Amino acid sequence: MHFSLCSGKIKVENSFFSGAHDDPINVHGVHFRVVKTTGTHRITVRFMHPQTYGFLAFEKGDKIEFVNHRTLASYALNQVTEAKMKDEYETELTLKNPIPSVAANDCIENVTRTPEAEIRNNQFQRTHTRGILITTRRKSVIENNVFYKTGMSAVLASDDANNWYESGAVKNLLIQNNRFIECGYGDNPNFGAITIFPETEKCEAVKYVHQKVVIKNNFFKPVKVPVVTVSCTKYVEVSHNKMEVTKAMQGKIEGIEVPVSSLNVGTLNMN
């Protein structure tokens, strides 16, 4: 279930996902590269990934943010007054306010087309990729799900403007009351059951990409450490989680705290 450039609320409940070869649930926007500026109020933007193109992704009144492609920090807000497709990949936008100074390869995101998400009471099992990939700025809740043997992280909050071009910044993500059983068994040694990892060349502490992530009251049966990886996020809470240490993991995990790897995190609250 792939949700791109949606608005409103996405709700997935009481479902069973097994044997998928890609993420069963993927919620994200699109980073469009700015390829041309015309005068003071007109830009041309481009779909950059070959699997996403061919439709008009903007309407009059949509709000957009300009995004630094290296840091993923937004640096200007504007509004669309007119949108016209030039071809299957490029769209010309006329904007309400003057265009800011745009560096080569910088992008925009349509922040109007960003949904809330509620994903609860589902089962994800035996998928080689993630269970859920979620990158949306509106409130998101992932609760009361079972994740069993996902090859990559069961839950990933990413954001990138150089590869898949899947936006955007997470403002308020709650992950609670889930069960993570032997997730993240694949080749990446740094990513366990939950990964919060925007793909930046560098993280600007004054403008973290993600804002607030709360991970609480979950159960973990890990196959690797760290169980949780967090990067470039302003506030992270990891609290009241439980963990079962198998014989294979004895000696790799000390104590009962869920192992967390953090890099460029403003506040990490662990209880």
Protein backbone atom coordinates (compact mmCIF):
# COMPACT_ATOMS: atom_id res chain seq x y z
CA MET A 1 0.00 0.00 0.00
CA HIS A 2 1.89 3.00 -1.35
CA PHE A 3 0.55 6.46 -0.44
CA SER A 4 2.30 9.35 -2.19
CA LEU A 5 1.29 13.04 -2.13
CA CYS A 6 -1.91 12.28 -0.23
CA SER A 7 -3.79 14.54 2.17
CA GLY A 8 -6.47 13.99 4.80
CA LYS A 9 -6.04 10.90 6.99
CA ILE A 10 -4.72 7.44 6.09
CA LYS A 11 -6.07 4.71 8.37
CA VAL A 12 -4.96 1.07 8.09
CA GLU A 13 -6.42 -1.28 10.69
CA ASN A 14 -6.97 -5.00 11.33
CA SER A 15 -4.99 -6.18 8.31
CA PHE A 16 -2.50 -8.98 7.63
CA PHE A 17 0.62 -8.52 5.47
CA SER A 18 2.94 -11.43 4.65
CA GLY A 19 5.56 -12.31 2.05
CA ALA A 20 5.83 -8.85 0.48
CA HIS A 21 8.93 -7.97 -1.52
CA ASP A 22 8.55 -4.27 -0.77
CA ASP A 23 7.27 -2.22 2.15
CA PRO A 24 3.64 -3.25 2.87
CA ILE A 25 2.86 0.35 3.90
CA ASN A 26 4.75 3.37 2.57
CA VAL A 27 3.53 6.92 3.29
CA HIS A 28 5.53 9.84 1.89
CA GLY A 29 5.55 12.95 -0.27
CA VAL A 30 7.84 13.89 -3.16
CA HIS A 31 10.83 16.17 -3.36
CA PHE A 32 10.72 17.96 -6.73
CA ARG A 33 14.03 19.38 -7.91
CA VAL A 34 14.01 23.04 -8.95
CA VAL A 35 15.51 23.01 -12.45
CA LYS A 36 14.72 26.55 -13.60
CA THR A 37 13.70 29.95 -12.26
CA THR A 38 11.98 32.53 -14.47
CA GLY A 39 11.72 36.10 -13.25
CA THR A 40 10.84 36.59 -9.59
CA HIS A 41 7.76 34.39 -9.21
CA ARG A 42 8.06 31.38 -11.54
CA ILE A 43 9.91 28.08 -11.17
CA THR A 44 10.08 24.82 -13.08
CA VAL A 45 10.31 21.66 -10.98
CA ARG A 46 10.99 18.08 -12.00
CA PHE A 47 10.06 14.56 -10.90
CA MET A 48 13.49 13.03 -10.36
CA HIS A 49 12.83 9.34 -9.77
CA PRO A 50 11.94 7.31 -12.88
CA GLN A 51 9.17 5.44 -11.09
CA THR A 52 7.23 8.60 -10.19
CA TYR A 53 6.02 10.98 -12.92
CA GLY A 54 3.20 11.79 -15.29
CA PHE A 55 0.65 13.72 -13.23
CA LEU A 56 0.00 17.24 -11.98
CA ALA A 57 1.00 17.27 -8.32
CA PHE A 58 0.06 20.88 -7.49
CA GLU A 59 -3.09 22.98 -7.39
CA LYS A 60 -3.74 26.66 -6.86
CA GLY A 61 -3.45 27.42 -3.16
CA ASP A 62 -1.04 24.60 -2.32
CA LYS A 63 1.74 25.59 0.05
CA ILE A 64 5.30 24.58 -0.77
CA GLU A 65 8.59 24.61 1.11
CA PHE A 66 12.03 25.01 -0.41
CA VAL A 67 14.41 22.34 0.89
CA ASN A 68 18.21 22.18 0.98
CA HIS A 69 19.06 18.91 -0.76
CA ARG A 70 22.13 18.32 1.42
CA THR A 71 20.67 18.97 4.88
CA LEU A 72 16.93 18.54 4.16
CA ALA A 73 16.35 21.76 6.08
CA SER A 74 13.51 23.90 4.72
CA TYR A 75 14.39 27.54 4.19
CA ALA A 76 11.41 29.28 2.58
CA LEU A 77 7.62 28.90 2.41
CA ASN A 78 5.56 29.94 -0.61
CA GLN A 79 2.19 29.32 -2.24
CA VAL A 80 1.16 28.17 -5.70
CA THR A 81 -1.07 30.51 -7.73
CA GLU A 82 -0.85 28.52 -10.99
CA ALA A 83 0.48 25.08 -12.01
CA LYS A 84 1.00 23.80 -15.56
CA MET A 85 2.60 20.55 -16.70
CA LYS A 86 5.27 21.12 -19.35
CA ASP A 87 5.70 17.39 -19.97
CA GLU A 88 5.47 14.12 -18.02
CA TYR A 89 8.34 15.10 -15.74
CA GLU A 90 8.35 18.90 -15.47
CA THR A 91 5.81 21.35 -14.06
CA GLU A 92 5.90 25.14 -14.14
CA LEU A 93 4.69 26.86 -10.97
CA THR A 94 3.76 30.49 -10.52
CA LEU A 95 4.17 31.54 -6.89
CA LYS A 96 2.49 34.12 -4.69
CA ASN A 97 5.71 35.47 -3.18
CA PRO A 98 9.16 36.12 -4.67
CA ILE A 99 11.45 33.12 -5.19
CA PRO A 100 14.24 32.76 -2.61
CA SER A 101 17.85 32.17 -3.58
CA VAL A 102 17.86 28.53 -4.73
CA ALA A 103 21.07 26.48 -4.81
CA ALA A 104 21.71 23.90 -7.51
CA ASN A 105 19.81 20.64 -6.89
CA ASP A 106 17.62 22.07 -4.14
CA CYS A 107 14.04 20.85 -4.03
CA ILE A 108 10.52 21.80 -3.05
CA GLU A 109 7.88 19.80 -1.21
CA ASN A 110 4.12 20.25 -1.51
CA VAL A 111 3.36 20.50 2.21
CA THR A 112 -0.40 20.77 1.61
CA ARG A 113 -0.39 17.20 0.25
CA THR A 114 0.71 15.59 3.51
CA PRO A 115 -1.58 13.21 5.44
CA GLU A 116 -2.13 12.14 9.00
CA ALA A 117 -1.66 8.40 9.50
CA GLU A 118 -3.12 5.84 11.90
CA ILE A 119 -1.77 2.29 11.56
CA ARG A 120 -3.01 -0.09 14.24
CA ASN A 121 -3.94 -3.70 15.00
CA ASN A 122 -2.13 -5.11 11.96
CA GLN A 123 0.31 -8.00 11.52
CA PHE A 124 3.41 -7.78 9.34
CA GLN A 125 5.50 -10.87 8.76
CA ARG A 126 8.17 -12.40 6.55
CA THR A 127 8.91 -9.41 4.34
CA HIS A 128 12.45 -8.74 3.12
CA THR A 129 12.05 -4.98 3.45
CA ARG A 130 10.41 -2.77 6.07
CA GLY A 131 6.99 -3.22 7.58
CA ILE A 132 6.15 0.50 7.53
CA LEU A 133 7.98 3.42 5.95
CA ILE A 134 6.49 6.68 7.20
CA THR A 135 7.58 10.21 6.33
CA THR A 136 4.84 12.77 6.82
CA ARG A 137 4.77 15.99 8.82
CA ARG A 138 1.32 15.46 10.25
CA LYS A 139 0.47 13.43 13.33
CA SER A 140 1.17 9.72 12.89
CA VAL A 141 0.35 6.84 15.23
CA ILE A 142 1.66 3.28 14.88
CA GLU A 143 0.19 1.13 17.65
CA ASN A 144 -0.88 -2.39 18.61
CA ASN A 145 0.80 -4.01 15.61
CA VAL A 146 2.89 -7.18 15.42
CA PHE A 147 6.07 -7.14 13.32
CA TYR A 148 7.59 -10.59 12.80
CA LYS A 149 10.88 -11.13 10.97
CA THR A 150 11.12 -8.13 8.69
CA GLY A 151 14.46 -8.16 6.88
CA MET A 152 14.99 -4.43 7.34
CA SER A 153 13.69 -2.17 10.09
CA ALA A 154 10.07 -2.86 10.97
CA VAL A 155 9.46 0.91 11.07
CA LEU A 156 11.54 3.47 9.16
CA ALA A 157 11.14 7.24 9.11
CA SER A 158 13.45 8.47 6.38
CA ASP A 159 13.28 11.56 4.08
CA ASP A 160 15.65 12.16 1.16
CA ALA A 161 16.23 14.53 -1.72
CA ASN A 162 18.96 12.72 -3.64
CA ASN A 163 17.89 9.10 -4.15
CA TRP A 164 14.22 8.09 -4.00
CA TYR A 165 13.19 11.74 -3.49
CA GLU A 166 10.61 10.69 -0.91
CA SER A 167 9.76 13.55 1.47
CA GLY A 168 9.23 14.75 4.26
CA ALA A 169 10.00 15.81 7.81
CA VAL A 170 8.38 13.96 10.72
CA LYS A 171 6.82 16.38 13.20
CA ASN A 172 4.90 14.10 15.56
CA LEU A 173 5.30 10.30 15.40
CA LEU A 174 4.07 7.95 18.14
CA ILE A 175 5.09 4.27 18.11
CA GLN A 176 3.47 2.44 21.01
CA ASN A 177 2.19 -0.94 22.21
CA ASN A 178 3.69 -2.89 19.30
CA ARG A 179 5.55 -6.21 19.27
CA PHE A 180 8.82 -6.41 17.31
CA ILE A 181 9.97 -10.02 16.89
CA GLU A 182 13.40 -10.66 15.28
CA CYS A 183 13.19 -7.65 12.98
CA GLY A 184 16.08 -6.16 11.04
CA TYR A 185 17.92 -9.42 10.42
CA GLY A 186 19.33 -8.19 7.08
CA ASP A 187 22.82 -7.01 6.18
CA ASN A 188 22.77 -3.45 7.52
CA PRO A 189 24.51 -3.63 10.93
CA ASN A 190 23.23 -0.24 12.08
CA PHE A 191 19.49 -0.67 11.59
CA GLY A 192 17.45 -2.77 14.02
CA ALA A 193 13.72 -2.85 14.69
CA ILE A 194 13.06 0.92 14.50
CA THR A 195 15.09 3.41 12.49
CA ILE A 196 14.65 7.18 12.36
CA PHE A 197 17.19 8.14 9.70
CA PRO A 198 16.82 11.06 7.27
CA GLU A 199 19.32 10.75 4.42
CA THR A 200 21.39 13.91 4.81
CA GLU A 201 24.94 14.79 3.82
CA LYS A 202 25.12 16.65 7.12
CA CYS A 203 22.73 17.45 9.97
CA GLU A 204 22.25 21.07 11.04
CA ALA A 205 21.56 21.10 14.77
CA VAL A 206 19.74 24.42 14.44
CA LYS A 207 17.36 22.80 11.94
CA TYR A 208 16.87 19.14 12.74
CA VAL A 209 15.06 17.25 9.99
CA HIS A 210 12.65 15.36 12.25
CA GLN A 211 11.08 17.02 15.28
CA LYS A 212 9.38 14.61 17.70
CA VAL A 213 9.39 10.81 17.92
CA VAL A 214 8.01 8.86 20.90
CA ILE A 215 8.67 5.11 21.22
CA LYS A 216 6.98 3.67 24.29
CA ASN A 217 5.36 0.56 25.78
CA ASN A 218 6.62 -1.73 23.00
CA PHE A 219 8.00 -5.28 23.24
CA PHE A 220 11.22 -6.23 21.47
CA LYS A 221 12.81 -9.61 20.80
CA PRO A 222 15.91 -8.42 18.91
CA VAL A 223 18.35 -10.20 16.63
CA LYS A 224 20.92 -7.37 16.64
CA VAL A 225 21.94 -4.18 18.36
CA PRO A 226 21.12 -1.36 18.29
CA VAL A 227 17.40 -2.07 18.47
CA VAL A 228 16.57 1.58 17.80
CA THR A 229 18.59 3.97 15.60
CA VAL A 230 17.86 7.71 15.58
CA SER A 231 19.54 10.51 13.63
CA CYS A 232 19.01 14.25 13.09
CA THR A 233 15.91 14.48 15.30
CA LYS A 234 15.12 17.26 17.79
CA TYR A 235 13.28 15.24 20.46
CA VAL A 236 13.20 11.48 20.97
CA GLU A 237 11.58 9.58 23.82
CA VAL A 238 12.23 5.86 24.31
CA SER A 239 10.36 4.80 27.45
CA HIS A 240 8.69 1.88 29.22
CA ASN A 241 9.60 -0.67 26.59
CA LYS A 242 10.25 -4.34 27.34
CA MET A 243 12.80 -6.65 25.78
CA GLU A 244 13.42 -10.40 25.68
CA VAL A 245 17.07 -11.37 25.27
CA THR A 246 17.50 -14.71 23.49
CA LYS A 247 20.49 -16.99 23.95
CA ALA A 248 21.91 -15.76 20.65
CA MET A 249 21.86 -12.18 21.96
CA GLN A 250 23.32 -12.89 25.39
CA GLY A 251 26.59 -11.04 25.80
CA LYS A 252 25.61 -8.55 23.06
CA ILE A 253 22.97 -6.77 25.17
CA GLU A 254 23.63 -5.67 28.72
CA GLY A 255 20.81 -4.90 31.13
CA ILE A 256 17.17 -4.42 30.28
CA GLU A 257 17.29 -1.05 28.49
CA VAL A 258 16.51 -1.11 24.79
CA PRO A 259 19.84 -0.33 23.03
CA VAL A 260 19.63 2.97 21.16
CA SER A 261 22.13 4.44 18.72
CA SER A 262 21.75 8.20 18.38
CA LEU A 263 23.53 10.76 16.23
CA ASN A 264 22.78 14.49 16.19
CA VAL A 265 19.76 14.26 18.47
CA GLY A 266 18.65 17.32 20.43
CA THR A 267 17.04 15.59 23.43
CA LEU A 268 17.03 11.82 24.05
CA ASN A 269 14.70 10.92 26.93
CA MET A 270 15.03 7.30 28.06
CA ASN A 271 13.05 5.76 30.93
